[in-house]
Amino acid sequence: MSDKPSVNVQHNAAAACFEATVAGHRAECSYRRNGQFLVLHHTAVPDALQGQGVAAALVAHALAWAREQGLRVQPACSYVAAYMKRHPETQDLLA
């Protein structure tokens, strides 16, 4: 049985981010649209949630949304770039 928290990611289009609140802490993956490109520029996870898969869940949701929208992804955030390298199934999204 896993002790990782359940991560319910929401797309907050008004704030241009994917966000989740886990154990009272808010984490987010921010983006900006640039035509047919989705620039993922910042992923922030509070120290209390580090190492629990929260950032991965945020990025996975952002990439799934990009795929649904037919967007190409520009990973301007080092975490997003590393995630995409670790997950070859996301390589086709790279701009």
N, C-alpha and C. Protein backbone atom coordinates (compact mmCIF):
# COMPACT_ATOMS: atom_id res chain seq x y z
N MET A 1 0.83 -1.18 0.00
CA MET A 1 0.00 0.00 0.00
C MET A 1 0.88 1.25 0.00
N SER A 2 0.52 2.22 -0.83
CA SER A 2 1.33 3.43 -0.99
C SER A 2 0.97 4.47 0.07
N ASP A 3 2.00 5.20 0.54
CA ASP A 3 1.72 6.28 1.49
C ASP A 3 1.73 7.63 0.77
N LYS A 4 1.80 7.61 -0.57
CA LYS A 4 1.74 8.85 -1.34
C LYS A 4 0.31 9.37 -1.32
N PRO A 5 0.17 10.70 -1.24
CA PRO A 5 -1.18 11.27 -1.19
C PRO A 5 -1.88 11.17 -2.53
N SER A 6 -3.18 11.19 -2.49
CA SER A 6 -3.97 11.26 -3.71
C SER A 6 -3.86 12.70 -4.22
N VAL A 7 -3.58 12.86 -5.51
CA VAL A 7 -3.41 14.20 -6.07
C VAL A 7 -4.54 14.46 -7.05
N ASN A 8 -5.40 15.40 -6.71
CA ASN A 8 -6.52 15.79 -7.57
C ASN A 8 -6.13 17.08 -8.27
N VAL A 9 -5.69 16.96 -9.53
CA VAL A 9 -5.22 18.12 -10.28
C VAL A 9 -6.39 18.79 -10.99
N GLN A 10 -6.43 20.11 -10.87
CA GLN A 10 -7.45 20.92 -11.53
C GLN A 10 -6.78 21.87 -12.51
N HIS A 11 -7.44 22.12 -13.65
CA HIS A 11 -6.94 23.10 -14.60
C HIS A 11 -7.60 24.43 -14.27
N ASN A 12 -6.79 25.41 -13.88
CA ASN A 12 -7.28 26.75 -13.59
C ASN A 12 -6.90 27.63 -14.78
N ALA A 13 -7.77 27.65 -15.79
CA ALA A 13 -7.48 28.38 -17.02
C ALA A 13 -7.33 29.87 -16.77
N ALA A 14 -8.11 30.42 -15.84
CA ALA A 14 -8.03 31.86 -15.54
C ALA A 14 -6.66 32.24 -15.01
N ALA A 15 -6.03 31.34 -14.24
CA ALA A 15 -4.71 31.60 -13.67
C ALA A 15 -3.59 30.98 -14.52
N ALA A 16 -3.95 30.33 -15.63
CA ALA A 16 -3.00 29.68 -16.54
C ALA A 16 -2.09 28.71 -15.78
N CYS A 17 -2.73 27.79 -15.06
CA CYS A 17 -1.93 26.78 -14.34
C CYS A 17 -2.76 25.54 -14.08
N PHE A 18 -2.04 24.48 -13.78
CA PHE A 18 -2.64 23.25 -13.27
C PHE A 18 -2.28 23.25 -11.80
N GLU A 19 -3.24 22.97 -10.94
CA GLU A 19 -3.00 23.10 -9.51
C GLU A 19 -3.60 21.95 -8.73
N ALA A 20 -3.05 21.75 -7.56
CA ALA A 20 -3.55 20.72 -6.65
C ALA A 20 -3.30 21.18 -5.23
N THR A 21 -4.24 20.87 -4.35
CA THR A 21 -4.05 21.13 -2.93
C THR A 21 -4.02 19.77 -2.25
N VAL A 22 -2.90 19.51 -1.59
CA VAL A 22 -2.69 18.23 -0.91
C VAL A 22 -2.32 18.53 0.53
N ALA A 23 -3.06 17.96 1.47
CA ALA A 23 -2.80 18.15 2.90
C ALA A 23 -2.68 19.64 3.24
N GLY A 24 -3.53 20.45 2.61
CA GLY A 24 -3.56 21.88 2.90
C GLY A 24 -2.49 22.70 2.21
N HIS A 25 -1.67 22.06 1.38
CA HIS A 25 -0.61 22.76 0.66
C HIS A 25 -0.95 22.84 -0.83
N ARG A 26 -0.75 24.01 -1.43
CA ARG A 26 -1.06 24.21 -2.84
C ARG A 26 0.21 24.06 -3.69
N ALA A 27 0.10 23.30 -4.78
CA ALA A 27 1.19 23.12 -5.73
C ALA A 27 0.65 23.50 -7.11
N GLU A 28 1.55 23.94 -8.01
CA GLU A 28 1.08 24.34 -9.32
C GLU A 28 2.12 24.15 -10.40
N CYS A 29 1.63 24.02 -11.62
CA CYS A 29 2.46 24.02 -12.82
C CYS A 29 1.88 25.11 -13.71
N SER A 30 2.62 26.20 -13.87
CA SER A 30 2.15 27.37 -14.61
C SER A 30 2.54 27.27 -16.08
N TYR A 31 1.71 27.88 -16.91
CA TYR A 31 1.97 27.88 -18.34
C TYR A 31 1.55 29.18 -18.98
N ARG A 32 1.95 29.34 -20.24
CA ARG A 32 1.39 30.39 -21.07
C ARG A 32 1.19 29.82 -22.46
N ARG A 33 0.14 30.26 -23.10
CA ARG A 33 -0.15 29.84 -24.47
C ARG A 33 0.56 30.81 -25.40
N ASN A 34 1.20 30.27 -26.41
CA ASN A 34 1.86 31.08 -27.43
C ASN A 34 1.47 30.47 -28.77
N GLY A 35 0.32 30.88 -29.29
CA GLY A 35 -0.20 30.29 -30.51
C GLY A 35 -0.52 28.83 -30.30
N GLN A 36 0.10 27.97 -31.08
CA GLN A 36 -0.12 26.52 -30.97
C GLN A 36 0.88 25.86 -30.02
N PHE A 37 1.54 26.68 -29.21
CA PHE A 37 2.52 26.17 -28.26
C PHE A 37 2.05 26.38 -26.83
N LEU A 38 2.35 25.41 -25.98
CA LEU A 38 2.10 25.53 -24.55
C LEU A 38 3.48 25.60 -23.89
N VAL A 39 3.79 26.75 -23.32
CA VAL A 39 5.07 26.94 -22.66
C VAL A 39 4.87 26.66 -21.17
N LEU A 40 5.42 25.55 -20.70
CA LEU A 40 5.33 25.19 -19.28
C LEU A 40 6.55 25.80 -18.60
N HIS A 41 6.33 26.88 -17.86
CA HIS A 41 7.47 27.67 -17.38
C HIS A 41 7.77 27.59 -15.90
N HIS A 42 6.90 26.98 -15.10
CA HIS A 42 7.20 26.93 -13.66
C HIS A 42 6.39 25.84 -12.98
N THR A 43 7.08 25.04 -12.18
CA THR A 43 6.40 24.04 -11.35
C THR A 43 6.82 24.31 -9.91
N ALA A 44 5.84 24.49 -9.04
CA ALA A 44 6.12 24.81 -7.64
C ALA A 44 5.39 23.83 -6.73
N VAL A 45 6.17 23.17 -5.89
CA VAL A 45 5.62 22.22 -4.92
C VAL A 45 6.21 22.57 -3.57
N PRO A 46 5.36 22.83 -2.56
CA PRO A 46 5.88 23.16 -1.23
C PRO A 46 6.77 22.05 -0.67
N ASP A 47 7.71 22.43 0.16
CA ASP A 47 8.64 21.48 0.77
C ASP A 47 7.92 20.30 1.41
N ALA A 48 6.78 20.56 2.04
CA ALA A 48 6.05 19.50 2.74
C ALA A 48 5.55 18.40 1.79
N LEU A 49 5.47 18.70 0.50
CA LEU A 49 4.97 17.73 -0.47
C LEU A 49 6.06 17.16 -1.39
N GLN A 50 7.29 17.58 -1.19
CA GLN A 50 8.39 17.13 -2.05
C GLN A 50 8.52 15.61 -2.01
N GLY A 51 8.84 15.02 -3.15
CA GLY A 51 9.10 13.58 -3.22
C GLY A 51 7.87 12.70 -3.13
N GLN A 52 6.69 13.27 -3.28
CA GLN A 52 5.45 12.50 -3.15
C GLN A 52 4.70 12.35 -4.47
N GLY A 53 5.33 12.74 -5.58
CA GLY A 53 4.69 12.58 -6.88
C GLY A 53 3.75 13.69 -7.28
N VAL A 54 3.71 14.77 -6.50
CA VAL A 54 2.78 15.86 -6.79
C VAL A 54 3.19 16.58 -8.07
N ALA A 55 4.46 16.93 -8.20
CA ALA A 55 4.92 17.62 -9.41
C ALA A 55 4.68 16.76 -10.65
N ALA A 56 4.96 15.47 -10.54
CA ALA A 56 4.74 14.56 -11.67
C ALA A 56 3.27 14.54 -12.08
N ALA A 57 2.37 14.53 -11.10
CA ALA A 57 0.94 14.53 -11.40
C ALA A 57 0.53 15.82 -12.11
N LEU A 58 1.07 16.95 -11.65
CA LEU A 58 0.75 18.23 -12.29
C LEU A 58 1.22 18.25 -13.74
N VAL A 59 2.45 17.83 -13.96
CA VAL A 59 3.02 17.85 -15.31
C VAL A 59 2.28 16.85 -16.21
N ALA A 60 1.97 15.68 -15.69
CA ALA A 60 1.24 14.69 -16.49
C ALA A 60 -0.10 15.25 -16.96
N HIS A 61 -0.80 15.95 -16.07
CA HIS A 61 -2.08 16.54 -16.44
C HIS A 61 -1.89 17.65 -17.48
N ALA A 62 -0.88 18.47 -17.29
CA ALA A 62 -0.61 19.55 -18.25
C ALA A 62 -0.30 18.99 -19.63
N LEU A 63 0.50 17.93 -19.68
CA LEU A 63 0.85 17.32 -20.97
C LEU A 63 -0.35 16.64 -21.61
N ALA A 64 -1.19 16.01 -20.81
CA ALA A 64 -2.40 15.38 -21.34
C ALA A 64 -3.32 16.44 -21.93
N TRP A 65 -3.43 17.58 -21.25
CA TRP A 65 -4.26 18.67 -21.76
C TRP A 65 -3.69 19.21 -23.07
N ALA A 66 -2.37 19.38 -23.13
CA ALA A 66 -1.73 19.86 -24.36
C ALA A 66 -2.05 18.91 -25.52
N ARG A 67 -1.97 17.61 -25.24
CA ARG A 67 -2.27 16.61 -26.27
C ARG A 67 -3.72 16.73 -26.73
N GLU A 68 -4.65 16.86 -25.78
CA GLU A 68 -6.08 17.00 -26.11
C GLU A 68 -6.34 18.23 -26.97
N GLN A 69 -5.60 19.31 -26.70
CA GLN A 69 -5.78 20.57 -27.41
C GLN A 69 -5.00 20.64 -28.73
N GLY A 70 -4.18 19.64 -29.00
CA GLY A 70 -3.37 19.64 -30.22
C GLY A 70 -2.21 20.63 -30.16
N LEU A 71 -1.71 20.89 -28.95
CA LEU A 71 -0.62 21.86 -28.76
C LEU A 71 0.74 21.17 -28.71
N ARG A 72 1.76 21.90 -29.10
CA ARG A 72 3.14 21.47 -28.95
C ARG A 72 3.64 22.07 -27.64
N VAL A 73 4.55 21.39 -26.97
CA VAL A 73 5.01 21.81 -25.65
C VAL A 73 6.44 22.34 -25.70
N GLN A 74 6.64 23.48 -25.06
CA GLN A 74 7.97 24.04 -24.86
C GLN A 74 8.25 23.99 -23.36
N PRO A 75 9.10 23.05 -22.91
CA PRO A 75 9.38 22.94 -21.47
C PRO A 75 10.43 23.97 -21.03
N ALA A 76 9.94 25.11 -20.54
CA ALA A 76 10.84 26.17 -20.05
C ALA A 76 11.20 25.96 -18.58
N CYS A 77 10.59 24.98 -17.96
CA CYS A 77 10.85 24.62 -16.56
C CYS A 77 11.74 23.38 -16.55
N SER A 78 12.80 23.40 -15.74
CA SER A 78 13.73 22.28 -15.72
C SER A 78 13.05 20.98 -15.29
N TYR A 79 12.08 21.06 -14.38
CA TYR A 79 11.38 19.85 -13.95
C TYR A 79 10.58 19.25 -15.11
N VAL A 80 9.89 20.10 -15.87
CA VAL A 80 9.10 19.61 -17.01
C VAL A 80 10.03 18.95 -18.04
N ALA A 81 11.16 19.59 -18.32
CA ALA A 81 12.12 19.02 -19.27
C ALA A 81 12.61 17.65 -18.80
N ALA A 82 12.93 17.53 -17.52
CA ALA A 82 13.40 16.26 -16.97
C ALA A 82 12.29 15.21 -17.02
N TYR A 83 11.06 15.61 -16.68
CA TYR A 83 9.93 14.69 -16.73
C TYR A 83 9.75 14.13 -18.14
N MET A 84 9.81 15.01 -19.13
CA MET A 84 9.61 14.58 -20.51
C MET A 84 10.73 13.65 -20.98
N LYS A 85 11.94 13.86 -20.49
CA LYS A 85 13.05 12.96 -20.84
C LYS A 85 12.83 11.58 -20.23
N ARG A 86 12.27 11.54 -19.01
CA ARG A 86 12.01 10.27 -18.32
C ARG A 86 10.80 9.53 -18.88
N HIS A 87 9.95 10.24 -19.63
CA HIS A 87 8.72 9.65 -20.16
C HIS A 87 8.72 9.77 -21.68
N PRO A 88 9.32 8.80 -22.37
CA PRO A 88 9.45 8.87 -23.83
C PRO A 88 8.11 9.02 -24.56
N GLU A 89 7.03 8.58 -23.93
CA GLU A 89 5.71 8.70 -24.58
C GLU A 89 5.27 10.16 -24.73
N THR A 90 6.00 11.09 -24.11
CA THR A 90 5.64 12.51 -24.23
C THR A 90 6.50 13.24 -25.27
N GLN A 91 7.50 12.56 -25.81
CA GLN A 91 8.45 13.20 -26.73
C GLN A 91 7.78 13.79 -27.97
N ASP A 92 6.70 13.18 -28.44
CA ASP A 92 6.03 13.69 -29.63
C ASP A 92 5.38 15.05 -29.41
N LEU A 93 5.25 15.47 -28.15
CA LEU A 93 4.66 16.77 -27.85
C LEU A 93 5.66 17.92 -27.94
N LEU A 94 6.95 17.58 -27.93
CA LEU A 94 7.98 18.62 -27.92
C LEU A 94 7.90 19.50 -29.15
N ALA A 95 8.01 20.80 -28.93
CA ALA A 95 7.98 21.76 -30.03
C ALA A 95 9.28 21.71 -30.80
